[in-house]
Amino acid sequence: MTLDLRRRQHACKVKDNAYTYLLTVIGISLLTLVLLFAPLERLQRAGVLINRYLFSEITRNCGDR
């Protein structure tokens, strides 16, 4: 493996990591904005639905033990 090939591979890896970091920051920022400006009632309803889903998954996976 030549030094030039290693440098190119490293540059691609750094570039991929930068894109991943950037997309993560954008995603977290958008999620924060949505949570800040969403009506409280809607967030509470979403929380109830999520809890109901999680509870149903737990009971379905555990069964009657």
PDB file of N, CA and C in Angstrom:
ATOM      1  N   MET A   1       0.852  -1.174   0.000  1.00  0.00           N
ATOM      2  CA  MET A   1       0.000   0.000   0.000  1.00  0.00           C
ATOM      3  C   MET A   1       0.901   1.241   0.000  1.00  0.00           C
ATOM      4  N   THR A   2       0.689   2.085  -0.938  1.00  0.00           N
ATOM      5  CA  THR A   2       1.547   3.254  -1.045  1.00  0.00           C
ATOM      6  C   THR A   2       1.075   4.344  -0.088  1.00  0.00           C
ATOM      7  N   LEU A   3       1.954   5.265   0.156  1.00  0.00           N
ATOM      8  CA  LEU A   3       1.655   6.381   1.044  1.00  0.00           C
ATOM      9  C   LEU A   3       0.546   7.257   0.465  1.00  0.00           C
ATOM     10  N   ASP A   4       0.549   7.427  -0.845  1.00  0.00           N
ATOM     11  CA  ASP A   4      -0.474   8.244  -1.502  1.00  0.00           C
ATOM     12  C   ASP A   4      -1.872   7.651  -1.315  1.00  0.00           C
ATOM     13  N   LEU A   5      -1.955   6.329  -1.441  1.00  0.00           N
ATOM     14  CA  LEU A   5      -3.241   5.657  -1.259  1.00  0.00           C
ATOM     15  C   LEU A   5      -3.732   5.807   0.181  1.00  0.00           C
ATOM     16  N   ARG A   6      -2.825   5.684   1.129  1.00  0.00           N
ATOM     17  CA  ARG A   6      -3.200   5.858   2.538  1.00  0.00           C
ATOM     18  C   ARG A   6      -3.697   7.276   2.801  1.00  0.00           C
ATOM     19  N   ARG A   7      -3.037   8.238   2.218  1.00  0.00           N
ATOM     20  CA  ARG A   7      -3.464   9.634   2.411  1.00  0.00           C
ATOM     21  C   ARG A   7      -4.863   9.858   1.843  1.00  0.00           C
ATOM     22  N   ARG A   8      -5.130   9.291   0.675  1.00  0.00           N
ATOM     23  CA  ARG A   8      -6.458   9.437   0.070  1.00  0.00           C
ATOM     24  C   ARG A   8      -7.527   8.766   0.926  1.00  0.00           C
ATOM     25  N   GLN A   9      -7.214   7.575   1.432  1.00  0.00           N
ATOM     26  CA  GLN A   9      -8.176   6.861   2.284  1.00  0.00           C
ATOM     27  C   GLN A   9      -8.449   7.652   3.562  1.00  0.00           C
ATOM     28  N   HIS A  10      -7.383   8.211   4.138  1.00  0.00           N
ATOM     29  CA  HIS A  10      -7.543   9.000   5.359  1.00  0.00           C
ATOM     30  C   HIS A  10      -8.376  10.251   5.077  1.00  0.00           C
ATOM     31  N   ALA A  11      -8.120  10.888   3.961  1.00  0.00           N
ATOM     32  CA  ALA A  11      -8.881  12.097   3.593  1.00  0.00           C
ATOM     33  C   ALA A  11     -10.359  11.760   3.407  1.00  0.00           C
ATOM     34  N   CYS A  12     -10.654  10.624   2.795  1.00  0.00           N
ATOM     35  CA  CYS A  12     -12.052  10.212   2.617  1.00  0.00           C
ATOM     36  C   CYS A  12     -12.708   9.927   3.960  1.00  0.00           C
ATOM     37  N   LYS A  13     -11.967   9.294   4.856  1.00  0.00           N
ATOM     38  CA  LYS A  13     -12.512   8.972   6.175  1.00  0.00           C
ATOM     39  C   LYS A  13     -12.800  10.256   6.961  1.00  0.00           C
ATOM     40  N   VAL A  14     -11.878  11.213   6.906  1.00  0.00           N
ATOM     41  CA  VAL A  14     -12.072  12.486   7.596  1.00  0.00           C
ATOM     42  C   VAL A  14     -13.280  13.221   7.009  1.00  0.00           C
ATOM     43  N   LYS A  15     -13.397  13.166   5.684  1.00  0.00           N
ATOM     44  CA  LYS A  15     -14.529  13.816   5.015  1.00  0.00           C
ATOM     45  C   LYS A  15     -15.846  13.164   5.423  1.00  0.00           C
ATOM     46  N   ASP A  16     -15.891  11.831   5.478  1.00  0.00           N
ATOM     47  CA  ASP A  16     -17.099  11.126   5.912  1.00  0.00           C
ATOM     48  C   ASP A  16     -17.449  11.479   7.349  1.00  0.00           C
ATOM     49  N   ASN A  17     -16.445  11.539   8.218  1.00  0.00           N
ATOM     50  CA  ASN A  17     -16.687  11.899   9.617  1.00  0.00           C
ATOM     51  C   ASN A  17     -17.220  13.325   9.730  1.00  0.00           C
ATOM     52  N   ALA A  18     -16.708  14.217   8.898  1.00  0.00           N
ATOM     53  CA  ALA A  18     -17.180  15.599   8.923  1.00  0.00           C
ATOM     54  C   ALA A  18     -18.642  15.687   8.481  1.00  0.00           C
ATOM     55  N   TYR A  19     -19.003  14.941   7.447  1.00  0.00           N
ATOM     56  CA  TYR A  19     -20.400  14.932   6.997  1.00  0.00           C
ATOM     57  C   TYR A  19     -21.324  14.356   8.076  1.00  0.00           C
ATOM     58  N   THR A  20     -20.878  13.281   8.701  1.00  0.00           N
ATOM     59  CA  THR A  20     -21.676  12.671   9.770  1.00  0.00           C
ATOM     60  C   THR A  20     -21.869  13.646  10.920  1.00  0.00           C
ATOM     61  N   TYR A  21     -20.803  14.323  11.321  1.00  0.00           N
ATOM     62  CA  TYR A  21     -20.882  15.306  12.397  1.00  0.00           C
ATOM     63  C   TYR A  21     -21.830  16.435  12.021  1.00  0.00           C
ATOM     64  N   LEU A  22     -21.702  16.927  10.808  1.00  0.00           N
ATOM     65  CA  LEU A  22     -22.552  18.030  10.351  1.00  0.00           C
ATOM     66  C   LEU A  22     -24.027  17.628  10.325  1.00  0.00           C
ATOM     67  N   LEU A  23     -24.321  16.444   9.799  1.00  0.00           N
ATOM     68  CA  LEU A  23     -25.704  15.971   9.776  1.00  0.00           C
ATOM     69  C   LEU A  23     -26.256  15.769  11.185  1.00  0.00           C
ATOM     70  N   THR A  24     -25.423  15.302  12.091  1.00  0.00           N
ATOM     71  CA  THR A  24     -25.850  15.122  13.484  1.00  0.00           C
ATOM     72  C   THR A  24     -26.190  16.458  14.123  1.00  0.00           C
ATOM     73  N   VAL A  25     -25.336  17.453  13.910  1.00  0.00           N
ATOM     74  CA  VAL A  25     -25.581  18.783  14.483  1.00  0.00           C
ATOM     75  C   VAL A  25     -26.862  19.386  13.906  1.00  0.00           C
ATOM     76  N   ILE A  26     -27.053  19.251  12.604  1.00  0.00           N
ATOM     77  CA  ILE A  26     -28.274  19.776  11.973  1.00  0.00           C
ATOM     78  C   ILE A  26     -29.507  19.051  12.515  1.00  0.00           C
ATOM     79  N   GLY A  27     -29.430  17.745  12.644  1.00  0.00           N
ATOM     80  CA  GLY A  27     -30.558  16.966  13.151  1.00  0.00           C
ATOM     81  C   GLY A  27     -30.923  17.347  14.574  1.00  0.00           C
ATOM     82  N   ILE A  28     -29.933  17.487  15.434  1.00  0.00           N
ATOM     83  CA  ILE A  28     -30.198  17.870  16.824  1.00  0.00           C
ATOM     84  C   ILE A  28     -30.761  19.277  16.891  1.00  0.00           C
ATOM     85  N   SER A  29     -30.256  20.172  16.051  1.00  0.00           N
ATOM     86  CA  SER A  29     -30.772  21.545  16.029  1.00  0.00           C
ATOM     87  C   SER A  29     -32.235  21.579  15.597  1.00  0.00           C
ATOM     88  N   LEU A  30     -32.565  20.817  14.560  1.00  0.00           N
ATOM     89  CA  LEU A  30     -33.959  20.776  14.102  1.00  0.00           C
ATOM     90  C   LEU A  30     -34.876  20.173  15.155  1.00  0.00           C
ATOM     91  N   LEU A  31     -34.427  19.114  15.793  1.00  0.00           N
ATOM     92  CA  LEU A  31     -35.222  18.490  16.845  1.00  0.00           C
ATOM     93  C   LEU A  31     -35.446  19.461  18.002  1.00  0.00           C
ATOM     94  N   THR A  32     -34.423  20.213  18.361  1.00  0.00           N
ATOM     95  CA  THR A  32     -34.560  21.208  19.432  1.00  0.00           C
ATOM     96  C   THR A  32     -35.576  22.274  19.048  1.00  0.00           C
ATOM     97  N   LEU A  33     -35.516  22.756  17.812  1.00  0.00           N
ATOM     98  CA  LEU A  33     -36.485  23.758  17.367  1.00  0.00           C
ATOM     99  C   LEU A  33     -37.906  23.223  17.382  1.00  0.00           C
ATOM    100  N   VAL A  34     -38.081  21.989  16.938  1.00  0.00           N
ATOM    101  CA  VAL A  34     -39.414  21.392  16.928  1.00  0.00           C
ATOM    102  C   VAL A  34     -39.949  21.281  18.352  1.00  0.00           C
ATOM    103  N   LEU A  35     -39.097  20.828  19.265  1.00  0.00           N
ATOM    104  CA  LEU A  35     -39.542  20.673  20.649  1.00  0.00           C
ATOM    105  C   LEU A  35     -39.813  22.021  21.314  1.00  0.00           C
ATOM    106  N   LEU A  36     -39.062  23.039  20.944  1.00  0.00           N
ATOM    107  CA  LEU A  36     -39.278  24.365  21.535  1.00  0.00           C
ATOM    108  C   LEU A  36     -40.592  24.990  21.078  1.00  0.00           C
ATOM    109  N   PHE A  37     -40.944  24.780  19.832  1.00  0.00           N
ATOM    110  CA  PHE A  37     -42.100  25.479  19.276  1.00  0.00           C
ATOM    111  C   PHE A  37     -43.347  24.610  19.128  1.00  0.00           C
ATOM    112  N   ALA A  38     -43.257  23.345  19.522  1.00  0.00           N
ATOM    113  CA  ALA A  38     -44.442  22.479  19.444  1.00  0.00           C
ATOM    114  C   ALA A  38     -45.380  22.812  20.606  1.00  0.00           C
ATOM    115  N   PRO A  39     -46.680  22.771  20.363  1.00  0.00           N
ATOM    116  CA  PRO A  39     -47.624  23.006  21.461  1.00  0.00           C
ATOM    117  C   PRO A  39     -47.490  21.932  22.541  1.00  0.00           C
ATOM    118  N   LEU A  40     -47.660  22.338  23.777  1.00  0.00           N
ATOM    119  CA  LEU A  40     -47.475  21.422  24.902  1.00  0.00           C
ATOM    120  C   LEU A  40     -48.435  20.237  24.835  1.00  0.00           C
ATOM    121  N   GLU A  41     -49.661  20.471  24.408  1.00  0.00           N
ATOM    122  CA  GLU A  41     -50.635  19.376  24.344  1.00  0.00           C
ATOM    123  C   GLU A  41     -50.185  18.304  23.359  1.00  0.00           C
ATOM    124  N   ARG A  42     -49.638  18.743  22.255  1.00  0.00           N
ATOM    125  CA  ARG A  42     -49.185  17.784  21.246  1.00  0.00           C
ATOM    126  C   ARG A  42     -48.011  16.962  21.768  1.00  0.00           C
ATOM    127  N   LEU A  43     -47.115  17.615  22.494  1.00  0.00           N
ATOM    128  CA  LEU A  43     -45.980  16.886  23.060  1.00  0.00           C
ATOM    129  C   LEU A  43     -46.453  15.879  24.109  1.00  0.00           C
ATOM    130  N   GLN A  44     -47.438  16.261  24.906  1.00  0.00           N
ATOM    131  CA  GLN A  44     -47.963  15.342  25.919  1.00  0.00           C
ATOM    132  C   GLN A  44     -48.633  14.139  25.260  1.00  0.00           C
ATOM    133  N   ARG A  45     -49.385  14.394  24.193  1.00  0.00           N
ATOM    134  CA  ARG A  45     -50.027  13.278  23.470  1.00  0.00           C
ATOM    135  C   ARG A  45     -48.978  12.344  22.879  1.00  0.00           C
ATOM    136  N   ALA A  46     -47.917  12.939  22.328  1.00  0.00           N
ATOM    137  CA  ALA A  46     -46.846  12.116  21.758  1.00  0.00           C
ATOM    138  C   ALA A  46     -46.185  11.282  22.855  1.00  0.00           C
ATOM    139  N   GLY A  47     -45.992  11.868  24.024  1.00  0.00           N
ATOM    140  CA  GLY A  47     -45.400  11.133  25.141  1.00  0.00           C
ATOM    141  C   GLY A  47     -46.268   9.963  25.564  1.00  0.00           C
ATOM    142  N   VAL A  48     -47.579  10.181  25.598  1.00  0.00           N
ATOM    143  CA  VAL A  48     -48.505   9.106  25.954  1.00  0.00           C
ATOM    144  C   VAL A  48     -48.429   7.980  24.926  1.00  0.00           C
ATOM    145  N   LEU A  49     -48.401   8.345  23.647  1.00  0.00           N
ATOM    146  CA  LEU A  49     -48.325   7.324  22.596  1.00  0.00           C
ATOM    147  C   LEU A  49     -47.020   6.538  22.672  1.00  0.00           C
ATOM    148  N   ILE A  50     -45.926   7.243  22.923  1.00  0.00           N
ATOM    149  CA  ILE A  50     -44.625   6.570  23.018  1.00  0.00           C
ATOM    150  C   ILE A  50     -44.612   5.618  24.209  1.00  0.00           C
ATOM    151  N   ASN A  51     -45.128   6.085  25.361  1.00  0.00           N
ATOM    152  CA  ASN A  51     -45.169   5.217  26.546  1.00  0.00           C
ATOM    153  C   ASN A  51     -46.052   3.997  26.304  1.00  0.00           C
ATOM    154  N   ARG A  52     -47.187   4.203  25.651  1.00  0.00           N
ATOM    155  CA  ARG A  52     -48.086   3.088  25.372  1.00  0.00           C
ATOM    156  C   ARG A  52     -47.400   2.072  24.457  1.00  0.00           C
ATOM    157  N   TYR A  53     -46.676   2.578  23.439  1.00  0.00           N
ATOM    158  CA  TYR A  53     -45.968   1.691  22.517  1.00  0.00           C
ATOM    159  C   TYR A  53     -44.874   0.915  23.256  1.00  0.00           C
ATOM    160  N   LEU A  54     -44.087   1.618  24.059  1.00  0.00           N
ATOM    161  CA  LEU A  54     -43.001   0.956  24.778  1.00  0.00           C
ATOM    162  C   LEU A  54     -43.546  -0.090  25.735  1.00  0.00           C
ATOM    163  N   PHE A  55     -44.634   0.246  26.435  1.00  0.00           N
ATOM    164  CA  PHE A  55     -45.222  -0.702  27.374  1.00  0.00           C
ATOM    165  C   PHE A  55     -45.734  -1.949  26.638  1.00  0.00           C
ATOM    166  N   SER A  56     -46.356  -1.732  25.480  1.00  0.00           N
ATOM    167  CA  SER A  56     -46.867  -2.884  24.724  1.00  0.00           C
ATOM    168  C   SER A  56     -45.714  -3.751  24.215  1.00  0.00           C
ATOM    169  N   GLU A  57     -44.601  -3.119  23.822  1.00  0.00           N
ATOM    170  CA  GLU A  57     -43.440  -3.893  23.359  1.00  0.00           C
ATOM    171  C   GLU A  57     -42.849  -4.707  24.507  1.00  0.00           C
ATOM    172  N   ILE A  58     -42.777  -4.097  25.686  1.00  0.00           N
ATOM    173  CA  ILE A  58     -42.204  -4.795  26.839  1.00  0.00           C
ATOM    174  C   ILE A  58     -43.070  -5.988  27.209  1.00  0.00           C
ATOM    175  N   THR A  59     -44.383  -5.771  27.286  1.00  0.00           N
ATOM    176  CA  THR A  59     -45.257  -6.876  27.678  1.00  0.00           C
ATOM    177  C   THR A  59     -45.299  -7.963  26.610  1.00  0.00           C
ATOM    178  N   ARG A  60     -45.198  -7.569  25.347  1.00  0.00           N
ATOM    179  CA  ARG A  60     -45.217  -8.576  24.276  1.00  0.00           C
ATOM    180  C   ARG A  60     -43.928  -9.399  24.296  1.00  0.00           C
ATOM    181  N   ASN A  61     -42.795  -8.731  24.549  1.00  0.00           N
ATOM    182  CA  ASN A  61     -41.518  -9.446  24.551  1.00  0.00           C
ATOM    183  C   ASN A  61     -41.332 -10.292  25.805  1.00  0.00           C
ATOM    184  N   CYS A  62     -41.861  -9.841  26.933  1.00  0.00           N
ATOM    185  CA  CYS A  62     -41.681 -10.581  28.184  1.00  0.00           C
ATOM    186  C   CYS A  62     -42.704 -11.701  28.326  1.00  0.00           C
ATOM    187  N   GLY A  63     -43.901 -11.466  27.846  1.00  0.00           N
ATOM    188  CA  GLY A  63     -44.940 -12.484  27.984  1.00  0.00           C
ATOM    189  C   GLY A  63     -45.359 -12.647  29.433  1.00  0.00           C
ATOM    190  N   ASP A  64     -45.956 -13.760  29.740  1.00  0.00           N
ATOM    191  CA  ASP A  64     -46.383 -14.054  31.117  1.00  0.00           C
ATOM    192  C   ASP A  64     -45.332 -14.931  31.774  1.00  0.00           C
ATOM    193  N   ARG A  65     -44.444 -14.305  32.471  1.00  0.00           N
ATOM    194  CA  ARG A  65     -43.357 -15.057  33.122  1.00  0.00           C
ATOM    195  C   ARG A  65     -43.640 -15.208  34.588  1.00  0.00           C
TER     196      ARG A  65
END
